[in-house]
């Protein structure tokens, strides 16, 4: 069964129709590999309340397994995606964010500026990605292999993580 996913692009220009959502389209393309079915794509401005509302809607109403955001993770005054995400998640998954920043740092020191947050609300995994298509690809490719297993665990799978890894290495 495919993972049910939502994509949220956070962009003032995009929300006004002034910019094509290339990052959201790329996320949708990359998610096909796990496999995931994208059931919604939204574009919202860089406003905490609007980001928070779409995340809550996706988790609580649409009941998707995964929401991937793109944009608003830097240090510019309007970059508020991490704040909105922290208001919604119940448990943070810092390993996801750390892995993406470490991989990005191999290419550019600017990767450590990212304040992206990843975490869980109910039975939904939420992942923040930067706004540029290149950073989206680099970040998502790092964590993509872990997403299906993470979602299984969020949904209550009681299998042993170490055993699955050990068996895979054989």
N, C-alpha and C. Protein backbone atom coordinates (compact mmCIF):
# COMPACT_ATOMS: atom_id res chain seq x y z
N UNK A 1 0.84 -1.18 0.00
CA UNK A 1 0.00 0.00 0.00
C UNK A 1 0.88 1.25 0.00
N UNK A 2 0.56 2.17 -0.85
CA UNK A 2 1.35 3.40 -0.98
C UNK A 2 1.17 4.29 0.24
N UNK A 3 2.21 5.01 0.54
CA UNK A 3 2.18 6.02 1.58
C UNK A 3 1.35 7.18 1.06
N UNK A 4 0.42 7.67 1.88
CA UNK A 4 -0.39 8.84 1.51
C UNK A 4 0.34 10.08 1.97
N UNK A 5 0.63 10.98 1.03
CA UNK A 5 1.46 12.13 1.34
C UNK A 5 0.81 13.44 0.92
N UNK A 6 1.24 14.49 1.60
CA UNK A 6 0.87 15.85 1.24
C UNK A 6 2.13 16.69 1.10
N UNK A 7 2.06 17.69 0.26
CA UNK A 7 3.19 18.60 0.04
C UNK A 7 2.72 20.02 0.29
N UNK A 8 3.50 20.74 1.09
CA UNK A 8 3.17 22.13 1.40
C UNK A 8 4.36 23.01 1.00
N UNK A 9 4.13 23.88 0.04
CA UNK A 9 5.15 24.84 -0.37
C UNK A 9 4.88 26.15 0.35
N UNK A 10 5.91 26.62 1.06
CA UNK A 10 5.79 27.86 1.81
C UNK A 10 6.53 28.94 1.04
N UNK A 11 5.76 29.87 0.47
CA UNK A 11 6.35 30.91 -0.37
C UNK A 11 5.36 32.06 -0.54
N UNK A 12 5.78 33.24 -0.14
CA UNK A 12 4.93 34.41 -0.35
C UNK A 12 4.65 34.60 -1.84
N UNK A 13 5.71 34.56 -2.67
CA UNK A 13 5.54 34.76 -4.12
C UNK A 13 4.69 33.64 -4.72
N UNK A 14 4.93 32.41 -4.30
CA UNK A 14 4.15 31.28 -4.81
C UNK A 14 2.68 31.39 -4.46
N UNK A 15 2.40 31.82 -3.23
CA UNK A 15 1.01 31.96 -2.79
C UNK A 15 0.28 33.04 -3.57
N UNK A 16 1.04 34.04 -4.05
CA UNK A 16 0.44 35.11 -4.87
C UNK A 16 0.37 34.73 -6.35
N UNK A 17 0.90 33.55 -6.71
CA UNK A 17 0.91 33.14 -8.10
C UNK A 17 2.08 33.69 -8.89
N UNK A 18 3.06 34.25 -8.21
CA UNK A 18 4.19 34.87 -8.90
C UNK A 18 5.40 33.97 -9.09
N UNK A 19 5.31 32.72 -8.67
CA UNK A 19 6.43 31.79 -8.82
C UNK A 19 5.89 30.38 -9.02
N UNK A 20 6.48 29.68 -9.98
CA UNK A 20 6.14 28.28 -10.23
C UNK A 20 6.65 27.42 -9.07
N UNK A 21 5.86 26.45 -8.66
CA UNK A 21 6.22 25.57 -7.55
C UNK A 21 7.09 24.41 -8.04
N UNK A 22 8.33 24.70 -8.37
CA UNK A 22 9.24 23.66 -8.87
C UNK A 22 9.65 22.70 -7.76
N UNK A 23 9.83 23.20 -6.55
CA UNK A 23 10.24 22.33 -5.44
C UNK A 23 9.14 21.35 -5.07
N UNK A 24 7.90 21.80 -5.04
CA UNK A 24 6.79 20.90 -4.75
C UNK A 24 6.66 19.81 -5.80
N UNK A 25 6.84 20.18 -7.06
CA UNK A 25 6.78 19.19 -8.15
C UNK A 25 7.91 18.17 -8.02
N UNK A 26 9.09 18.62 -7.64
CA UNK A 26 10.22 17.72 -7.46
C UNK A 26 9.98 16.76 -6.30
N UNK A 27 9.44 17.27 -5.20
CA UNK A 27 9.12 16.40 -4.07
C UNK A 27 8.16 15.31 -4.51
N UNK A 28 7.12 15.68 -5.25
CA UNK A 28 6.15 14.69 -5.73
C UNK A 28 6.83 13.62 -6.57
N UNK A 29 7.72 14.04 -7.44
CA UNK A 29 8.46 13.09 -8.29
C UNK A 29 9.32 12.15 -7.44
N UNK A 30 10.04 12.69 -6.47
CA UNK A 30 10.93 11.86 -5.64
C UNK A 30 10.16 10.90 -4.75
N UNK A 31 8.99 11.31 -4.28
CA UNK A 31 8.19 10.45 -3.40
C UNK A 31 7.65 9.22 -4.11
N UNK A 32 7.55 9.29 -5.44
CA UNK A 32 7.08 8.12 -6.19
C UNK A 32 7.97 6.91 -5.94
N UNK A 33 9.23 7.14 -5.58
CA UNK A 33 10.19 6.06 -5.39
C UNK A 33 10.01 5.25 -4.12
N UNK A 34 9.14 5.68 -3.19
CA UNK A 34 9.08 4.93 -1.92
C UNK A 34 7.91 3.94 -1.76
N UNK A 35 6.93 3.73 -2.42
CA UNK A 35 6.15 4.64 -3.26
C UNK A 35 5.18 5.44 -2.39
N UNK A 36 4.92 6.66 -2.80
CA UNK A 36 3.95 7.50 -2.11
C UNK A 36 2.97 8.07 -3.12
N UNK A 37 1.73 8.19 -2.69
CA UNK A 37 0.69 8.82 -3.48
C UNK A 37 0.43 10.19 -2.87
N UNK A 38 0.67 11.23 -3.64
CA UNK A 38 0.43 12.59 -3.15
C UNK A 38 -1.06 12.89 -3.27
N UNK A 39 -1.70 13.12 -2.14
CA UNK A 39 -3.15 13.36 -2.12
C UNK A 39 -3.49 14.84 -2.02
N UNK A 40 -2.49 15.67 -1.68
CA UNK A 40 -2.71 17.11 -1.76
C UNK A 40 -1.38 17.85 -1.91
N UNK A 41 -1.47 18.99 -2.60
CA UNK A 41 -0.36 19.95 -2.70
C UNK A 41 -0.94 21.32 -2.45
N UNK A 42 -0.36 22.02 -1.48
CA UNK A 42 -0.82 23.35 -1.13
C UNK A 42 0.34 24.33 -1.19
N UNK A 43 0.04 25.56 -1.53
CA UNK A 43 1.03 26.65 -1.49
C UNK A 43 0.48 27.69 -0.54
N UNK A 44 1.26 28.03 0.50
CA UNK A 44 0.84 29.00 1.50
C UNK A 44 1.92 30.05 1.67
N UNK A 45 1.53 31.26 2.11
CA UNK A 45 2.53 32.29 2.37
C UNK A 45 3.33 31.99 3.64
N UNK A 46 4.41 32.72 3.81
CA UNK A 46 5.27 32.58 4.98
C UNK A 46 4.59 33.21 6.20
N UNK A 47 3.57 32.57 6.69
CA UNK A 47 2.82 33.03 7.87
C UNK A 47 2.62 31.84 8.79
N UNK A 48 3.06 31.96 10.04
CA UNK A 48 2.99 30.84 10.98
C UNK A 48 1.59 30.23 11.02
N UNK A 49 0.58 31.06 11.16
CA UNK A 49 -0.78 30.53 11.33
C UNK A 49 -1.26 29.77 10.09
N UNK A 50 -0.95 30.26 8.91
CA UNK A 50 -1.39 29.56 7.69
C UNK A 50 -0.64 28.24 7.52
N UNK A 51 0.64 28.23 7.82
CA UNK A 51 1.41 26.98 7.74
C UNK A 51 0.86 25.99 8.77
N UNK A 52 0.67 26.46 9.98
CA UNK A 52 0.16 25.61 11.06
C UNK A 52 -1.20 25.01 10.68
N UNK A 53 -2.08 25.82 10.14
CA UNK A 53 -3.42 25.34 9.79
C UNK A 53 -3.37 24.25 8.71
N UNK A 54 -2.53 24.43 7.68
CA UNK A 54 -2.48 23.41 6.63
C UNK A 54 -1.83 22.12 7.16
N UNK A 55 -0.86 22.25 8.08
CA UNK A 55 -0.27 21.05 8.67
C UNK A 55 -1.30 20.30 9.53
N UNK A 56 -2.05 21.04 10.33
CA UNK A 56 -3.09 20.41 11.15
C UNK A 56 -4.15 19.74 10.28
N UNK A 57 -4.57 20.42 9.23
CA UNK A 57 -5.55 19.86 8.30
C UNK A 57 -5.04 18.56 7.68
N UNK A 58 -3.79 18.57 7.23
CA UNK A 58 -3.21 17.38 6.61
C UNK A 58 -3.11 16.21 7.57
N UNK A 59 -2.69 16.51 8.80
CA UNK A 59 -2.54 15.44 9.80
C UNK A 59 -3.89 14.96 10.33
N UNK A 60 -4.71 15.90 10.78
CA UNK A 60 -5.90 15.55 11.54
C UNK A 60 -7.14 15.30 10.68
N UNK A 61 -7.25 15.99 9.56
CA UNK A 61 -8.42 15.82 8.70
C UNK A 61 -8.14 14.85 7.54
N UNK A 62 -7.06 15.11 6.81
CA UNK A 62 -6.72 14.25 5.67
C UNK A 62 -6.07 12.94 6.13
N UNK A 63 -5.50 12.95 7.32
CA UNK A 63 -4.87 11.76 7.91
C UNK A 63 -3.82 11.13 6.99
N UNK A 64 -2.99 12.00 6.41
CA UNK A 64 -1.91 11.50 5.56
C UNK A 64 -0.81 10.91 6.44
N UNK A 65 0.00 10.05 5.84
CA UNK A 65 1.12 9.44 6.54
C UNK A 65 2.33 10.37 6.61
N UNK A 66 2.43 11.26 5.63
CA UNK A 66 3.62 12.08 5.47
C UNK A 66 3.23 13.46 4.92
N UNK A 67 3.80 14.49 5.52
CA UNK A 67 3.71 15.84 4.94
C UNK A 67 5.13 16.34 4.77
N UNK A 68 5.45 16.77 3.56
CA UNK A 68 6.75 17.36 3.27
C UNK A 68 6.53 18.82 2.94
N UNK A 69 7.22 19.69 3.69
CA UNK A 69 7.15 21.12 3.39
C UNK A 69 8.42 21.53 2.66
N UNK A 70 8.32 22.59 1.90
CA UNK A 70 9.49 23.16 1.23
C UNK A 70 9.41 24.67 1.36
N UNK A 71 10.51 25.25 1.83
CA UNK A 71 10.59 26.70 1.96
C UNK A 71 10.45 27.17 3.39
N UNK A 72 11.03 28.34 3.65
CA UNK A 72 10.86 28.99 4.94
C UNK A 72 11.69 28.43 6.07
N UNK A 73 12.80 27.75 5.76
CA UNK A 73 13.59 27.10 6.82
C UNK A 73 14.87 27.85 7.16
N UNK A 74 15.12 28.97 6.51
CA UNK A 74 16.37 29.70 6.73
C UNK A 74 16.28 30.70 7.86
N UNK A 75 17.07 31.75 7.76
CA UNK A 75 17.13 32.74 8.83
C UNK A 75 16.60 34.12 8.41
N UNK A 76 16.01 34.19 7.23
CA UNK A 76 15.40 35.45 6.80
C UNK A 76 14.23 35.78 7.73
N UNK A 77 13.90 37.05 7.89
CA UNK A 77 12.81 37.42 8.81
C UNK A 77 11.48 36.70 8.53
N UNK A 78 11.18 36.39 7.27
CA UNK A 78 9.91 35.74 6.93
C UNK A 78 9.99 34.21 6.99
N UNK A 79 11.14 33.64 7.28
CA UNK A 79 11.30 32.18 7.36
C UNK A 79 10.76 31.66 8.69
N UNK A 80 9.52 31.14 8.66
CA UNK A 80 8.86 30.73 9.91
C UNK A 80 8.33 29.30 9.88
N UNK A 81 8.71 28.53 8.86
CA UNK A 81 8.21 27.15 8.78
C UNK A 81 8.59 26.32 10.01
N UNK A 82 9.83 26.40 10.52
CA UNK A 82 10.15 25.60 11.71
C UNK A 82 9.30 25.97 12.93
N UNK A 83 9.00 27.25 13.10
CA UNK A 83 8.17 27.66 14.23
C UNK A 83 6.77 27.05 14.12
N UNK A 84 6.19 27.12 12.92
CA UNK A 84 4.86 26.55 12.72
C UNK A 84 4.87 25.04 12.92
N UNK A 85 5.92 24.39 12.44
CA UNK A 85 6.01 22.94 12.57
C UNK A 85 6.14 22.54 14.03
N UNK A 86 6.95 23.25 14.78
CA UNK A 86 7.11 22.93 16.21
C UNK A 86 5.79 23.08 16.98
N UNK A 87 4.94 24.00 16.54
CA UNK A 87 3.63 24.16 17.20
C UNK A 87 2.72 22.96 16.94
N UNK A 88 2.99 22.21 15.87
CA UNK A 88 2.11 21.12 15.45
C UNK A 88 2.62 19.75 15.90
N UNK A 89 3.92 19.53 15.84
CA UNK A 89 4.43 18.19 16.14
C UNK A 89 4.35 17.88 17.63
N UNK A 90 4.27 16.58 17.92
CA UNK A 90 4.24 16.10 19.30
C UNK A 90 5.60 15.53 19.71
N UNK A 91 6.34 15.02 18.73
CA UNK A 91 7.67 14.46 18.99
C UNK A 91 8.59 14.87 17.85
N UNK A 92 9.74 15.41 18.19
CA UNK A 92 10.71 15.82 17.17
C UNK A 92 11.60 14.65 16.80
N UNK A 93 12.03 14.60 15.53
CA UNK A 93 12.97 13.60 15.03
C UNK A 93 14.22 14.33 14.55
N UNK A 94 15.09 14.72 15.47
CA UNK A 94 16.24 15.53 15.08
C UNK A 94 17.22 14.81 14.16
N UNK A 95 17.26 13.49 14.18
CA UNK A 95 18.17 12.76 13.31
C UNK A 95 17.92 13.03 11.83
N UNK A 96 16.67 13.17 11.44
CA UNK A 96 16.34 13.48 10.05
C UNK A 96 16.97 14.83 9.66
N UNK A 97 16.71 15.85 10.48
CA UNK A 97 17.21 17.19 10.17
C UNK A 97 18.73 17.24 10.20
N UNK A 98 19.32 16.57 11.19
CA UNK A 98 20.78 16.56 11.30
C UNK A 98 21.42 15.88 10.10
N UNK A 99 20.85 14.77 9.66
CA UNK A 99 21.41 14.05 8.51
C UNK A 99 21.35 14.92 7.25
N UNK A 100 20.24 15.62 7.06
CA UNK A 100 20.13 16.48 5.88
C UNK A 100 21.15 17.62 5.93
N UNK A 101 21.31 18.23 7.10
CA UNK A 101 22.27 19.32 7.22
C UNK A 101 23.70 18.83 7.02
N UNK A 102 24.03 17.66 7.58
CA UNK A 102 25.38 17.11 7.43
C UNK A 102 25.69 16.84 5.96
N UNK A 103 24.74 16.24 5.25
CA UNK A 103 24.96 15.95 3.84
C UNK A 103 25.10 17.25 3.04
N UNK A 104 24.25 18.21 3.32
CA UNK A 104 24.32 19.49 2.62
C UNK A 104 25.62 20.23 2.90
N UNK A 105 26.13 20.08 4.12
CA UNK A 105 27.37 20.74 4.51
C UNK A 105 28.56 20.22 3.71
N UNK A 106 28.46 18.99 3.21
CA UNK A 106 29.52 18.46 2.35
C UNK A 106 29.68 19.28 1.08
N UNK A 107 28.58 19.91 0.64
CA UNK A 107 28.59 20.70 -0.59
C UNK A 107 28.77 22.19 -0.32
N UNK A 108 28.16 22.68 0.76
CA UNK A 108 28.23 24.11 1.04
C UNK A 108 28.12 24.36 2.55
N UNK A 109 28.91 25.30 3.06
CA UNK A 109 28.79 25.62 4.49
C UNK A 109 27.45 26.28 4.83
N UNK A 110 26.74 26.77 3.83
CA UNK A 110 25.45 27.41 4.06
C UNK A 110 24.38 26.43 4.52
N UNK A 111 24.61 25.14 4.35
CA UNK A 111 23.62 24.14 4.76
C UNK A 111 23.33 24.20 6.26
N UNK A 112 24.31 24.64 7.05
CA UNK A 112 24.08 24.67 8.49
C UNK A 112 23.19 25.83 8.92
N UNK A 113 22.85 26.69 7.99
CA UNK A 113 21.91 27.77 8.28
C UNK A 113 20.48 27.24 8.36
N UNK A 114 20.23 26.09 7.75
CA UNK A 114 18.88 25.53 7.74
C UNK A 114 18.39 25.26 9.16
N UNK A 115 17.16 25.65 9.42
CA UNK A 115 16.53 25.39 10.71
C UNK A 115 15.43 24.35 10.55
N UNK A 116 15.49 23.58 9.49
CA UNK A 116 14.45 22.58 9.20
C UNK A 116 14.20 21.69 10.42
N UNK A 117 12.93 21.37 10.62
CA UNK A 117 12.48 20.53 11.73
C UNK A 117 11.75 19.33 11.13
N UNK A 118 11.92 18.18 11.75
CA UNK A 118 11.17 16.99 11.36
C UNK A 118 10.57 16.40 12.62
N UNK A 119 9.37 15.86 12.51
CA UNK A 119 8.74 15.30 13.69
C UNK A 119 7.45 14.57 13.37
N UNK A 120 6.76 14.19 14.42
CA UNK A 120 5.56 13.36 14.31
C UNK A 120 4.39 14.06 15.00
N UNK A 121 3.27 14.06 14.33
CA UNK A 121 2.00 14.44 14.95
C UNK A 121 1.04 13.28 14.74
N UNK A 122 0.59 12.68 15.81
CA UNK A 122 -0.31 11.55 15.68
C UNK A 122 0.36 10.44 14.91
N UNK A 123 -0.18 10.14 13.74
CA UNK A 123 0.38 9.10 12.88
C UNK A 123 0.92 9.67 11.58
N UNK A 124 1.35 10.95 11.64
CA UNK A 124 1.88 11.64 10.46
C UNK A 124 3.31 12.09 10.71
N UNK A 125 4.19 11.78 9.78
CA UNK A 125 5.55 12.27 9.77
C UNK A 125 5.57 13.59 9.02
N UNK A 126 6.17 14.62 9.62
CA UNK A 126 6.30 15.93 8.97
C UNK A 126 7.78 16.21 8.77
N UNK A 127 8.13 16.58 7.54
CA UNK A 127 9.52 16.86 7.18
C UNK A 127 9.60 18.24 6.55
N UNK A 128 10.45 19.10 7.10
CA UNK A 128 10.73 20.41 6.50
C UNK A 128 11.94 20.31 5.60
N UNK A 129 11.82 20.85 4.40
CA UNK A 129 12.94 20.95 3.47
C UNK A 129 13.13 22.42 3.09
N UNK A 130 14.34 22.80 2.68
CA UNK A 130 14.55 24.15 2.17
C UNK A 130 13.72 24.39 0.90
N UNK A 131 13.80 25.61 0.40
CA UNK A 131 12.97 25.97 -0.74
C UNK A 131 13.55 25.71 -2.11
N UNK A 132 14.87 25.64 -2.24
CA UNK A 132 15.45 25.49 -3.58
C UNK A 132 15.34 24.04 -4.05
N UNK A 133 15.09 23.84 -5.35
CA UNK A 133 15.01 22.47 -5.86
C UNK A 133 16.28 21.65 -5.58
N UNK A 134 17.45 22.26 -5.69
CA UNK A 134 18.69 21.51 -5.43
C UNK A 134 18.72 21.03 -3.97
N UNK A 135 18.41 21.90 -3.03
CA UNK A 135 18.41 21.53 -1.61
C UNK A 135 17.32 20.52 -1.31
N UNK A 136 16.17 20.63 -1.99
CA UNK A 136 15.10 19.64 -1.83
C UNK A 136 15.60 18.26 -2.24
N UNK A 137 16.21 18.17 -3.41
CA UNK A 137 16.71 16.88 -3.90
C UNK A 137 17.76 16.31 -2.94
N UNK A 138 18.73 17.13 -2.58
CA UNK A 138 19.81 16.66 -1.71
C UNK A 138 19.29 16.21 -0.35
N UNK A 139 18.40 16.98 0.23
CA UNK A 139 17.87 16.64 1.55
C UNK A 139 16.97 15.44 1.53
N UNK A 140 16.05 15.41 0.59
CA UNK A 140 15.10 14.30 0.54
C UNK A 140 15.78 12.99 0.19
N UNK A 141 16.77 13.02 -0.68
CA UNK A 141 17.47 11.78 -1.03
C UNK A 141 18.18 11.17 0.18
N UNK A 142 18.61 12.01 1.13
CA UNK A 142 19.28 11.51 2.34
C UNK A 142 18.31 10.72 3.21
N UNK A 143 17.10 11.25 3.40
CA UNK A 143 16.16 10.63 4.35
C UNK A 143 15.14 9.70 3.71
N UNK A 144 15.00 9.76 2.40
CA UNK A 144 13.98 8.97 1.70
C UNK A 144 14.02 7.49 2.07
N UNK A 145 15.20 6.85 2.14
CA UNK A 145 15.21 5.43 2.49
C UNK A 145 14.64 5.12 3.88
N UNK A 146 14.69 6.08 4.79
CA UNK A 146 14.20 5.86 6.15
C UNK A 146 12.71 6.15 6.32
N UNK A 147 12.11 6.82 5.37
CA UNK A 147 10.72 7.26 5.53
C UNK A 147 9.74 6.09 5.64
N UNK A 148 9.75 5.09 4.76
CA UNK A 148 8.75 4.02 4.90
C UNK A 148 8.84 3.31 6.26
N UNK A 149 10.05 3.01 6.72
CA UNK A 149 10.21 2.34 8.01
C UNK A 149 9.73 3.23 9.15
N UNK A 150 10.03 4.51 9.07
CA UNK A 150 9.60 5.45 10.10
C UNK A 150 8.08 5.48 10.17
N UNK A 151 7.43 5.52 9.04
CA UNK A 151 5.97 5.55 9.01
C UNK A 151 5.39 4.25 9.58
N UNK A 152 6.00 3.11 9.25
CA UNK A 152 5.55 1.85 9.84
C UNK A 152 5.61 1.91 11.36
N UNK A 153 6.70 2.45 11.90
CA UNK A 153 6.86 2.56 13.35
C UNK A 153 5.83 3.51 13.94
N UNK A 154 5.60 4.64 13.28
CA UNK A 154 4.61 5.61 13.76
C UNK A 154 3.24 4.95 13.85
N UNK A 155 2.94 4.07 12.89
CA UNK A 155 1.63 3.41 12.86
C UNK A 155 1.54 2.24 13.83
N UNK A 156 2.65 1.93 14.52
CA UNK A 156 2.58 0.91 15.55
C UNK A 156 3.26 -0.40 15.25
N UNK A 157 4.01 -0.51 14.15
CA UNK A 157 4.73 -1.74 13.85
C UNK A 157 5.68 -2.04 15.01
N UNK A 158 5.65 -3.27 15.50
CA UNK A 158 6.46 -3.65 16.66
C UNK A 158 7.68 -4.48 16.29
N UNK A 159 8.00 -4.58 14.99
CA UNK A 159 9.19 -5.32 14.56
C UNK A 159 10.45 -4.70 15.13
N UNK A 160 11.49 -5.48 15.20
CA UNK A 160 12.77 -5.02 15.73
C UNK A 160 13.55 -4.26 14.66
N UNK A 161 13.87 -3.02 14.92
CA UNK A 161 14.64 -2.21 13.96
C UNK A 161 16.01 -2.82 13.70
N UNK A 162 16.70 -3.21 14.75
CA UNK A 162 18.06 -3.74 14.59
C UNK A 162 18.06 -5.03 13.79
N UNK A 163 17.04 -5.86 13.96
CA UNK A 163 16.97 -7.14 13.25
C UNK A 163 16.79 -6.90 11.76
N UNK A 164 15.93 -5.94 11.40
CA UNK A 164 15.70 -5.63 10.00
C UNK A 164 16.98 -5.13 9.33
N UNK A 165 17.72 -4.29 10.02
CA UNK A 165 18.98 -3.77 9.48
C UNK A 165 20.00 -4.88 9.34
N UNK A 166 20.09 -5.72 10.38
CA UNK A 166 21.03 -6.83 10.37
C UNK A 166 20.72 -7.79 9.22
N UNK A 167 19.45 -8.12 9.03
CA UNK A 167 19.04 -9.02 7.94
C UNK A 167 19.32 -8.41 6.58
N UNK A 168 19.15 -7.09 6.45
CA UNK A 168 19.37 -6.42 5.19
C UNK A 168 20.85 -6.44 4.80
N UNK A 169 21.71 -6.48 5.80
CA UNK A 169 23.15 -6.48 5.53
C UNK A 169 23.68 -7.85 5.09
N UNK A 170 22.87 -8.89 5.21
CA UNK A 170 23.34 -10.23 4.87
C UNK A 170 23.57 -10.42 3.40
